[in-house]
């Protein structure tokens, strides 16, 4: 199925939010503390709301009769275009915190740029979402610093999570033809222009957390083009089960 660049871009935004929301929801009832359990659940709900807005608009632009539910529950893993970072397993709590921090810094930068999109609908969605993401970022920075500069054990776990997830950050700034085309039209954000600002904030927070940035420059890629590992397939198998087992089921 051939899609136009605008619908592809909108699906990417929606897929990032949806997949990360599903990952965070896996912590519900299992968080390390009641406050954290509630905070993660609320963050997941915020992201689900954002995913609904992006995917709903993507379906309208696509013009093939697929609404937000169809795009969320009736696509296979190769049709999802989210960043590889957001589909990585929760691991221990350090992995979840590091993944969230890396994404939140990038997410706020992207949404800030999209508030100035030439497409009024994109700008409106971004303006609503960025208010929630500002809270997500404040919270993830706080946890990142507290755990990084905490006990010897928490610091060890945080550094291990950083070393494990760093290779998934490069994809966030790798622009492809879709992003270059829509960026030139003023509709989308060219992610390559965000790298310096992202690194500046990351360096600042790492210094406060007494953690070290990995030296490796090799990065994973392919999520935006639908090339995923087994993690996404397993995530979707759980998330999509009801619609797969009972197509068209409604409450």
C-alpha atoms as a PDB file:
ATOM      1  CA  UNK A   1       0.000   0.000   0.000  1.00  0.00           C
ATOM      2  CA  UNK A   2       1.509   3.287  -1.095  1.00  0.00           C
ATOM      3  CA  UNK A   3       1.103   6.217   1.277  1.00  0.00           C
ATOM      4  CA  UNK A   4       1.819   9.867   0.719  1.00  0.00           C
ATOM      5  CA  UNK A   5       4.576  11.582   2.689  1.00  0.00           C
ATOM      6  CA  UNK A   6       2.257  13.521   4.966  1.00  0.00           C
ATOM      7  CA  UNK A   7       0.341  10.460   6.151  1.00  0.00           C
ATOM      8  CA  UNK A   8       3.641   8.604   6.641  1.00  0.00           C
ATOM      9  CA  UNK A   9       4.963  11.407   8.828  1.00  0.00           C
ATOM     10  CA  UNK A  10       1.788  11.615  10.883  1.00  0.00           C
ATOM     11  CA  UNK A  11       1.850   7.860  11.451  1.00  0.00           C
ATOM     12  CA  UNK A  12       5.423   8.087  12.674  1.00  0.00           C
ATOM     13  CA  UNK A  13       4.443  10.640  15.278  1.00  0.00           C
ATOM     14  CA  UNK A  14       1.464   8.556  16.322  1.00  0.00           C
ATOM     15  CA  UNK A  15       3.401   5.294  16.373  1.00  0.00           C
ATOM     16  CA  UNK A  16       6.112   6.744  18.619  1.00  0.00           C
ATOM     17  CA  UNK A  17       3.526   7.835  21.167  1.00  0.00           C
ATOM     18  CA  UNK A  18       1.457   4.648  20.929  1.00  0.00           C
ATOM     19  CA  UNK A  19       4.305   2.161  21.253  1.00  0.00           C
ATOM     20  CA  UNK A  20       5.937   4.017  24.144  1.00  0.00           C
ATOM     21  CA  UNK A  21       2.555   4.274  25.877  1.00  0.00           C
ATOM     22  CA  UNK A  22       2.150   0.515  25.583  1.00  0.00           C
ATOM     23  CA  UNK A  23       5.604  -0.039  27.045  1.00  0.00           C
ATOM     24  CA  UNK A  24       4.903   2.271  29.991  1.00  0.00           C
ATOM     25  CA  UNK A  25       1.511   0.674  30.623  1.00  0.00           C
ATOM     26  CA  UNK A  26       3.334  -2.609  31.277  1.00  0.00           C
ATOM     27  CA  UNK A  27       4.499  -1.071  34.559  1.00  0.00           C
ATOM     28  CA  UNK A  28       0.931  -0.517  35.779  1.00  0.00           C
ATOM     29  CA  UNK A  29       0.612  -2.238  39.140  1.00  0.00           C
ATOM     30  CA  UNK A  30       4.313  -3.136  39.104  1.00  0.00           C
ATOM     31  CA  UNK A  31       6.015   0.206  39.711  1.00  0.00           C
ATOM     32  CA  UNK A  32       8.753   0.475  42.351  1.00  0.00           C
ATOM     33  CA  UNK A  33       6.601   2.839  44.402  1.00  0.00           C
ATOM     34  CA  UNK A  34       2.939   3.847  44.343  1.00  0.00           C
ATOM     35  CA  UNK A  35       3.749   7.382  43.216  1.00  0.00           C
ATOM     36  CA  UNK A  36       5.854   6.064  40.348  1.00  0.00           C
ATOM     37  CA  UNK A  37       3.180   3.578  39.370  1.00  0.00           C
ATOM     38  CA  UNK A  38       0.664   6.413  39.048  1.00  0.00           C
ATOM     39  CA  UNK A  39       3.096   8.736  37.267  1.00  0.00           C
ATOM     40  CA  UNK A  40       3.991   6.149  34.638  1.00  0.00           C
ATOM     41  CA  UNK A  41       0.335   5.328  34.054  1.00  0.00           C
ATOM     42  CA  UNK A  42      -0.500   9.015  33.608  1.00  0.00           C
ATOM     43  CA  UNK A  43       2.381   9.462  31.185  1.00  0.00           C
ATOM     44  CA  UNK A  44       1.126   6.483  29.185  1.00  0.00           C
ATOM     45  CA  UNK A  45      -2.370   7.986  29.079  1.00  0.00           C
ATOM     46  CA  UNK A  46      -0.974  11.306  27.844  1.00  0.00           C
ATOM     47  CA  UNK A  47       0.874   9.515  25.050  1.00  0.00           C
ATOM     48  CA  UNK A  48      -2.203   7.497  24.088  1.00  0.00           C
ATOM     49  CA  UNK A  49      -4.132  10.734  23.757  1.00  0.00           C
ATOM     50  CA  UNK A  50      -1.420  12.155  21.532  1.00  0.00           C
ATOM     51  CA  UNK A  51      -1.307   8.969  19.462  1.00  0.00           C
ATOM     52  CA  UNK A  52      -5.046   9.198  18.880  1.00  0.00           C
ATOM     53  CA  UNK A  53      -4.734  12.741  17.533  1.00  0.00           C
ATOM     54  CA  UNK A  54      -1.845  11.928  15.204  1.00  0.00           C
ATOM     55  CA  UNK A  55      -3.283   8.653  13.928  1.00  0.00           C
ATOM     56  CA  UNK A  56      -6.746  10.088  13.455  1.00  0.00           C
ATOM     57  CA  UNK A  57      -5.308  12.840  11.284  1.00  0.00           C
ATOM     58  CA  UNK A  58      -3.096  10.319   9.456  1.00  0.00           C
ATOM     59  CA  UNK A  59      -6.178   8.272   8.580  1.00  0.00           C
ATOM     60  CA  UNK A  60      -7.963  11.336   7.236  1.00  0.00           C
ATOM     61  CA  UNK A  61      -4.987  12.345   5.101  1.00  0.00           C
ATOM     62  CA  UNK A  62      -4.503   8.795   3.858  1.00  0.00           C
ATOM     63  CA  UNK A  63      -8.114   8.666   2.662  1.00  0.00           C
ATOM     64  CA  UNK A  64      -8.406   4.866   2.732  1.00  0.00           C
ATOM     65  CA  UNK A  65     -11.088   4.584   5.402  1.00  0.00           C
ATOM     66  CA  UNK A  66      -8.735   3.641   8.240  1.00  0.00           C
ATOM     67  CA  UNK A  67      -9.443   5.411  11.521  1.00  0.00           C
ATOM     68  CA  UNK A  68      -7.203   5.610  14.591  1.00  0.00           C
ATOM     69  CA  UNK A  69      -8.348   2.177  15.802  1.00  0.00           C
ATOM     70  CA  UNK A  70      -7.606   0.501  12.485  1.00  0.00           C
ATOM     71  CA  UNK A  71      -4.156   2.073  12.364  1.00  0.00           C
ATOM     72  CA  UNK A  72      -3.389   1.050  15.938  1.00  0.00           C
ATOM     73  CA  UNK A  73      -4.784  -2.469  15.974  1.00  0.00           C
ATOM     74  CA  UNK A  74      -4.837  -3.743  12.399  1.00  0.00           C
ATOM     75  CA  UNK A  75      -1.345  -3.101  11.130  1.00  0.00           C
ATOM     76  CA  UNK A  76       1.501  -5.599  11.265  1.00  0.00           C
ATOM     77  CA  UNK A  77       4.885  -4.755  12.758  1.00  0.00           C
ATOM     78  CA  UNK A  78       6.482  -3.905   9.401  1.00  0.00           C
ATOM     79  CA  UNK A  79       3.824  -1.220   8.908  1.00  0.00           C
ATOM     80  CA  UNK A  80       4.743   0.555  12.146  1.00  0.00           C
ATOM     81  CA  UNK A  81       7.214   3.404  11.739  1.00  0.00           C
ATOM     82  CA  UNK A  82       8.162   4.243  15.307  1.00  0.00           C
ATOM     83  CA  UNK A  83      11.699   4.821  16.492  1.00  0.00           C
ATOM     84  CA  UNK A  84      13.492   1.675  17.619  1.00  0.00           C
ATOM     85  CA  UNK A  85      14.178   3.349  20.970  1.00  0.00           C
ATOM     86  CA  UNK A  86      10.563   3.383  22.126  1.00  0.00           C
ATOM     87  CA  UNK A  87       9.981  -0.317  21.497  1.00  0.00           C
ATOM     88  CA  UNK A  88      12.909  -1.469  23.620  1.00  0.00           C
ATOM     89  CA  UNK A  89      11.831  -3.582  26.635  1.00  0.00           C
ATOM     90  CA  UNK A  90      11.357  -1.928  30.001  1.00  0.00           C
ATOM     91  CA  UNK A  91      14.166  -3.900  31.591  1.00  0.00           C
ATOM     92  CA  UNK A  92      14.755  -2.763  35.151  1.00  0.00           C
ATOM     93  CA  UNK A  93      13.666   0.705  36.217  1.00  0.00           C
ATOM     94  CA  UNK A  94      16.947   2.240  35.092  1.00  0.00           C
ATOM     95  CA  UNK A  95      16.280   1.172  31.488  1.00  0.00           C
ATOM     96  CA  UNK A  96      12.806   2.700  31.616  1.00  0.00           C
ATOM     97  CA  UNK A  97      14.099   5.996  33.025  1.00  0.00           C
ATOM     98  CA  UNK A  98      16.949   6.287  30.509  1.00  0.00           C
ATOM     99  CA  UNK A  99      14.699   5.421  27.562  1.00  0.00           C
ATOM    100  CA  UNK A 100      12.150   7.995  28.699  1.00  0.00           C
ATOM    101  CA  UNK A 101      14.754  10.704  29.218  1.00  0.00           C
ATOM    102  CA  UNK A 102      16.328  10.251  25.790  1.00  0.00           C
ATOM    103  CA  UNK A 103      12.899  10.307  24.143  1.00  0.00           C
ATOM    104  CA  UNK A 104      11.453  13.191  26.172  1.00  0.00           C
ATOM    105  CA  UNK A 105      14.304  15.565  25.298  1.00  0.00           C
ATOM    106  CA  UNK A 106      13.844  14.754  21.600  1.00  0.00           C
ATOM    107  CA  UNK A 107      10.056  14.790  21.789  1.00  0.00           C
ATOM    108  CA  UNK A 108       9.898  18.282  23.269  1.00  0.00           C
ATOM    109  CA  UNK A 109      12.228  19.632  20.574  1.00  0.00           C
ATOM    110  CA  UNK A 110      10.151  18.046  17.801  1.00  0.00           C
ATOM    111  CA  UNK A 111       6.856  19.314  19.164  1.00  0.00           C
ATOM    112  CA  UNK A 112       8.245  22.802  19.681  1.00  0.00           C
ATOM    113  CA  UNK A 113       9.250  22.892  16.009  1.00  0.00           C
ATOM    114  CA  UNK A 114       5.863  21.514  14.925  1.00  0.00           C
ATOM    115  CA  UNK A 115       3.968  24.263  16.761  1.00  0.00           C
ATOM    116  CA  UNK A 116       5.200  26.437  13.874  1.00  0.00           C
ATOM    117  CA  UNK A 117       4.108  24.023  11.150  1.00  0.00           C
ATOM    118  CA  UNK A 118       2.448  25.463   8.051  1.00  0.00           C
ATOM    119  CA  UNK A 119      -0.286  22.879   8.625  1.00  0.00           C
ATOM    120  CA  UNK A 120      -2.646  24.332  11.223  1.00  0.00           C
ATOM    121  CA  UNK A 121      -3.834  20.883  12.375  1.00  0.00           C
ATOM    122  CA  UNK A 122      -0.266  19.701  13.007  1.00  0.00           C
ATOM    123  CA  UNK A 123       0.559  22.918  14.837  1.00  0.00           C
ATOM    124  CA  UNK A 124      -2.574  22.600  16.983  1.00  0.00           C
ATOM    125  CA  UNK A 125      -1.854  18.984  17.974  1.00  0.00           C
ATOM    126  CA  UNK A 126       1.767  19.845  18.774  1.00  0.00           C
ATOM    127  CA  UNK A 127       0.687  22.822  20.885  1.00  0.00           C
ATOM    128  CA  UNK A 128      -1.564  20.590  22.967  1.00  0.00           C
ATOM    129  CA  UNK A 129       0.937  17.756  23.286  1.00  0.00           C
ATOM    130  CA  UNK A 130       3.926  19.888  24.251  1.00  0.00           C
ATOM    131  CA  UNK A 131       2.237  20.961  27.485  1.00  0.00           C
ATOM    132  CA  UNK A 132       2.102  17.336  28.590  1.00  0.00           C
ATOM    133  CA  UNK A 133       5.587  16.544  27.334  1.00  0.00           C
ATOM    134  CA  UNK A 134       7.056  19.467  29.299  1.00  0.00           C
ATOM    135  CA  UNK A 135       5.916  17.633  32.440  1.00  0.00           C
ATOM    136  CA  UNK A 136       7.223  14.307  31.142  1.00  0.00           C
ATOM    137  CA  UNK A 137      10.649  15.862  30.573  1.00  0.00           C
ATOM    138  CA  UNK A 138      10.836  17.550  33.982  1.00  0.00           C
ATOM    139  CA  UNK A 139       9.994  14.268  35.644  1.00  0.00           C
ATOM    140  CA  UNK A 140      12.425  12.151  33.631  1.00  0.00           C
ATOM    141  CA  UNK A 141      15.270  14.624  34.256  1.00  0.00           C
ATOM    142  CA  UNK A 142      14.579  14.533  37.982  1.00  0.00           C
ATOM    143  CA  UNK A 143      14.602  10.722  38.097  1.00  0.00           C
ATOM    144  CA  UNK A 144      17.629  10.497  35.821  1.00  0.00           C
ATOM    145  CA  UNK A 145      19.664  12.744  38.124  1.00  0.00           C
ATOM    146  CA  UNK A 146      18.423  11.184  41.359  1.00  0.00           C
ATOM    147  CA  UNK A 147      19.231   7.647  40.236  1.00  0.00           C
ATOM    148  CA  UNK A 148      22.469   8.531  38.461  1.00  0.00           C
ATOM    149  CA  UNK A 149      23.830  10.477  41.427  1.00  0.00           C
ATOM    150  CA  UNK A 150      22.274   8.171  44.009  1.00  0.00           C
ATOM    151  CA  UNK A 151      23.699   4.989  45.473  1.00  0.00           C
ATOM    152  CA  UNK A 152      26.541   3.022  43.916  1.00  0.00           C
ATOM    153  CA  UNK A 153      24.017   0.390  42.792  1.00  0.00           C
ATOM    154  CA  UNK A 154      21.593   2.873  41.209  1.00  0.00           C
ATOM    155  CA  UNK A 155      24.475   4.589  39.421  1.00  0.00           C
ATOM    156  CA  UNK A 156      25.758   1.255  38.108  1.00  0.00           C
ATOM    157  CA  UNK A 157      22.341   0.321  36.770  1.00  0.00           C
ATOM    158  CA  UNK A 158      21.811   3.734  35.173  1.00  0.00           C
ATOM    159  CA  UNK A 159      25.185   3.659  33.435  1.00  0.00           C
ATOM    160  CA  UNK A 160      24.484   0.142  32.166  1.00  0.00           C
ATOM    161  CA  UNK A 161      21.122   1.308  30.782  1.00  0.00           C
ATOM    162  CA  UNK A 162      22.753   4.320  29.106  1.00  0.00           C
ATOM    163  CA  UNK A 163      25.389   2.092  27.498  1.00  0.00           C
ATOM    164  CA  UNK A 164      22.689  -0.293  26.269  1.00  0.00           C
ATOM    165  CA  UNK A 165      20.272   2.289  24.837  1.00  0.00           C
ATOM    166  CA  UNK A 166      22.684   4.867  23.420  1.00  0.00           C
ATOM    167  CA  UNK A 167      22.871   3.123  20.048  1.00  0.00           C
ATOM    168  CA  UNK A 168      19.161   3.779  19.490  1.00  0.00           C
ATOM    169  CA  UNK A 169      19.451   7.577  19.801  1.00  0.00           C
ATOM    170  CA  UNK A 170      21.054   8.269  16.415  1.00  0.00           C
ATOM    171  CA  UNK A 171      17.933   7.320  14.508  1.00  0.00           C
ATOM    172  CA  UNK A 172      16.106  10.267  16.037  1.00  0.00           C
ATOM    173  CA  UNK A 173      18.215  12.691  13.991  1.00  0.00           C
ATOM    174  CA  UNK A 174      18.509  10.775  10.724  1.00  0.00           C
ATOM    175  CA  UNK A 175      16.293  12.580   8.219  1.00  0.00           C
ATOM    176  CA  UNK A 176      14.910  10.661   5.251  1.00  0.00           C
ATOM    177  CA  UNK A 177      13.245  11.849   2.053  1.00  0.00           C
ATOM    178  CA  UNK A 178       9.832  12.184   3.704  1.00  0.00           C
ATOM    179  CA  UNK A 179      11.132  14.475   6.435  1.00  0.00           C
ATOM    180  CA  UNK A 180      13.300  16.458   4.050  1.00  0.00           C
ATOM    181  CA  UNK A 181      10.391  17.016   1.647  1.00  0.00           C
ATOM    182  CA  UNK A 182       7.865  17.993   4.310  1.00  0.00           C
ATOM    183  CA  UNK A 183      10.463  20.085   6.112  1.00  0.00           C
ATOM    184  CA  UNK A 184      11.111  22.062   2.934  1.00  0.00           C
ATOM    185  CA  UNK A 185       7.361  22.708   2.708  1.00  0.00           C
ATOM    186  CA  UNK A 186       7.234  23.937   6.304  1.00  0.00           C
ATOM    187  CA  UNK A 187       4.959  21.075   7.336  1.00  0.00           C
ATOM    188  CA  UNK A 188       7.336  18.907   9.337  1.00  0.00           C
ATOM    189  CA  UNK A 189      10.516  19.139  11.352  1.00  0.00           C
ATOM    190  CA  UNK A 190      13.877  18.147   9.900  1.00  0.00           C
ATOM    191  CA  UNK A 191      15.236  16.034  12.786  1.00  0.00           C
ATOM    192  CA  UNK A 192      18.843  16.605  11.793  1.00  0.00           C
ATOM    193  CA  UNK A 193      18.481  20.219  12.957  1.00  0.00           C
ATOM    194  CA  UNK A 194      17.652  19.106  16.503  1.00  0.00           C
ATOM    195  CA  UNK A 195      20.768  17.115  17.315  1.00  0.00           C
ATOM    196  CA  UNK A 196      22.872  19.946  18.738  1.00  0.00           C
ATOM    197  CA  UNK A 197      20.099  21.125  21.074  1.00  0.00           C
ATOM    198  CA  UNK A 198      19.428  17.534  22.165  1.00  0.00           C
ATOM    199  CA  UNK A 199      23.096  16.872  22.893  1.00  0.00           C
ATOM    200  CA  UNK A 200      23.437  20.130  24.805  1.00  0.00           C
ATOM    201  CA  UNK A 201      20.647  19.194  27.219  1.00  0.00           C
ATOM    202  CA  UNK A 202      21.824  15.593  27.472  1.00  0.00           C
ATOM    203  CA  UNK A 203      25.382  16.695  28.337  1.00  0.00           C
ATOM    204  CA  UNK A 204      24.052  19.062  31.005  1.00  0.00           C
ATOM    205  CA  UNK A 205      21.875  16.415  32.668  1.00  0.00           C
ATOM    206  CA  UNK A 206      24.569  13.729  32.430  1.00  0.00           C
ATOM    207  CA  UNK A 207      27.006  16.006  34.246  1.00  0.00           C
ATOM    208  CA  UNK A 208      24.512  16.566  37.056  1.00  0.00           C
ATOM    209  CA  UNK A 209      23.775  12.838  37.223  1.00  0.00           C
ATOM    210  CA  UNK A 210      27.536  12.017  37.289  1.00  0.00           C
ATOM    211  CA  UNK A 211      27.102   9.603  34.390  1.00  0.00           C
ATOM    212  CA  UNK A 212      29.289   9.190  31.308  1.00  0.00           C
ATOM    213  CA  UNK A 213      28.159   9.438  27.702  1.00  0.00           C
ATOM    214  CA  UNK A 214      29.148   6.390  25.650  1.00  0.00           C
ATOM    215  CA  UNK A 215      31.949   6.894  23.152  1.00  0.00           C
ATOM    216  CA  UNK A 216      30.427   4.672  20.489  1.00  0.00           C
ATOM    217  CA  UNK A 217      29.212   6.329  17.290  1.00  0.00           C
ATOM    218  CA  UNK A 218      27.580   3.327  15.590  1.00  0.00           C
ATOM    219  CA  UNK A 219      23.810   3.622  15.683  1.00  0.00           C
ATOM    220  CA  UNK A 220      20.858   1.347  14.981  1.00  0.00           C
ATOM    221  CA  UNK A 221      18.316   2.506  12.405  1.00  0.00           C
ATOM    222  CA  UNK A 222      15.380   1.327  10.340  1.00  0.00           C
ATOM    223  CA  UNK A 223      12.399   1.748  12.657  1.00  0.00           C
ATOM    224  CA  UNK A 224      11.022   4.684  10.672  1.00  0.00           C
ATOM    225  CA  UNK A 225      11.102   2.510   7.566  1.00  0.00           C
ATOM    226  CA  UNK A 226       9.307  -0.395   9.270  1.00  0.00           C
ATOM    227  CA  UNK A 227      12.355  -2.533  10.067  1.00  0.00           C
ATOM    228  CA  UNK A 228      11.958  -3.759  13.622  1.00  0.00           C
ATOM    229  CA  UNK A 229      13.264  -6.497  15.852  1.00  0.00           C
ATOM    230  CA  UNK A 230      11.287  -9.120  17.738  1.00  0.00           C
ATOM    231  CA  UNK A 231      10.437  -6.752  20.587  1.00  0.00           C
ATOM    232  CA  UNK A 232       7.807  -4.837  18.615  1.00  0.00           C
ATOM    233  CA  UNK A 233       6.156  -8.009  17.354  1.00  0.00           C
ATOM    234  CA  UNK A 234       5.707  -9.293  20.894  1.00  0.00           C
ATOM    235  CA  UNK A 235       4.403  -5.927  22.056  1.00  0.00           C
ATOM    236  CA  UNK A 236       1.827  -5.791  19.249  1.00  0.00           C
ATOM    237  CA  UNK A 237       0.736  -9.381  19.846  1.00  0.00           C
ATOM    238  CA  UNK A 238      -0.441  -8.344  23.288  1.00  0.00           C
ATOM    239  CA  UNK A 239      -1.745  -4.895  22.372  1.00  0.00           C
ATOM    240  CA  UNK A 240      -3.706  -6.047  19.323  1.00  0.00           C
ATOM    241  CA  UNK A 241      -5.024  -9.356  20.626  1.00  0.00           C
ATOM    242  CA  UNK A 242      -8.677  -8.363  21.091  1.00  0.00           C
ATOM    243  CA  UNK A 243      -9.080  -6.817  17.627  1.00  0.00           C
ATOM    244  CA  UNK A 244      -7.206  -9.701  16.017  1.00  0.00           C
ATOM    245  CA  UNK A 245      -9.327 -12.307  17.795  1.00  0.00           C
ATOM    246  CA  UNK A 246     -12.632 -10.438  17.393  1.00  0.00           C
ATOM    247  CA  UNK A 247     -12.341  -8.093  14.401  1.00  0.00           C
ATOM    248  CA  UNK A 248     -14.570  -5.054  14.707  1.00  0.00           C
ATOM    249  CA  UNK A 249     -15.437  -5.732  18.339  1.00  0.00           C
ATOM    250  CA  UNK A 250     -16.933  -2.754  20.181  1.00  0.00           C
ATOM    251  CA  UNK A 251     -17.883  -2.104  23.787  1.00  0.00           C
END
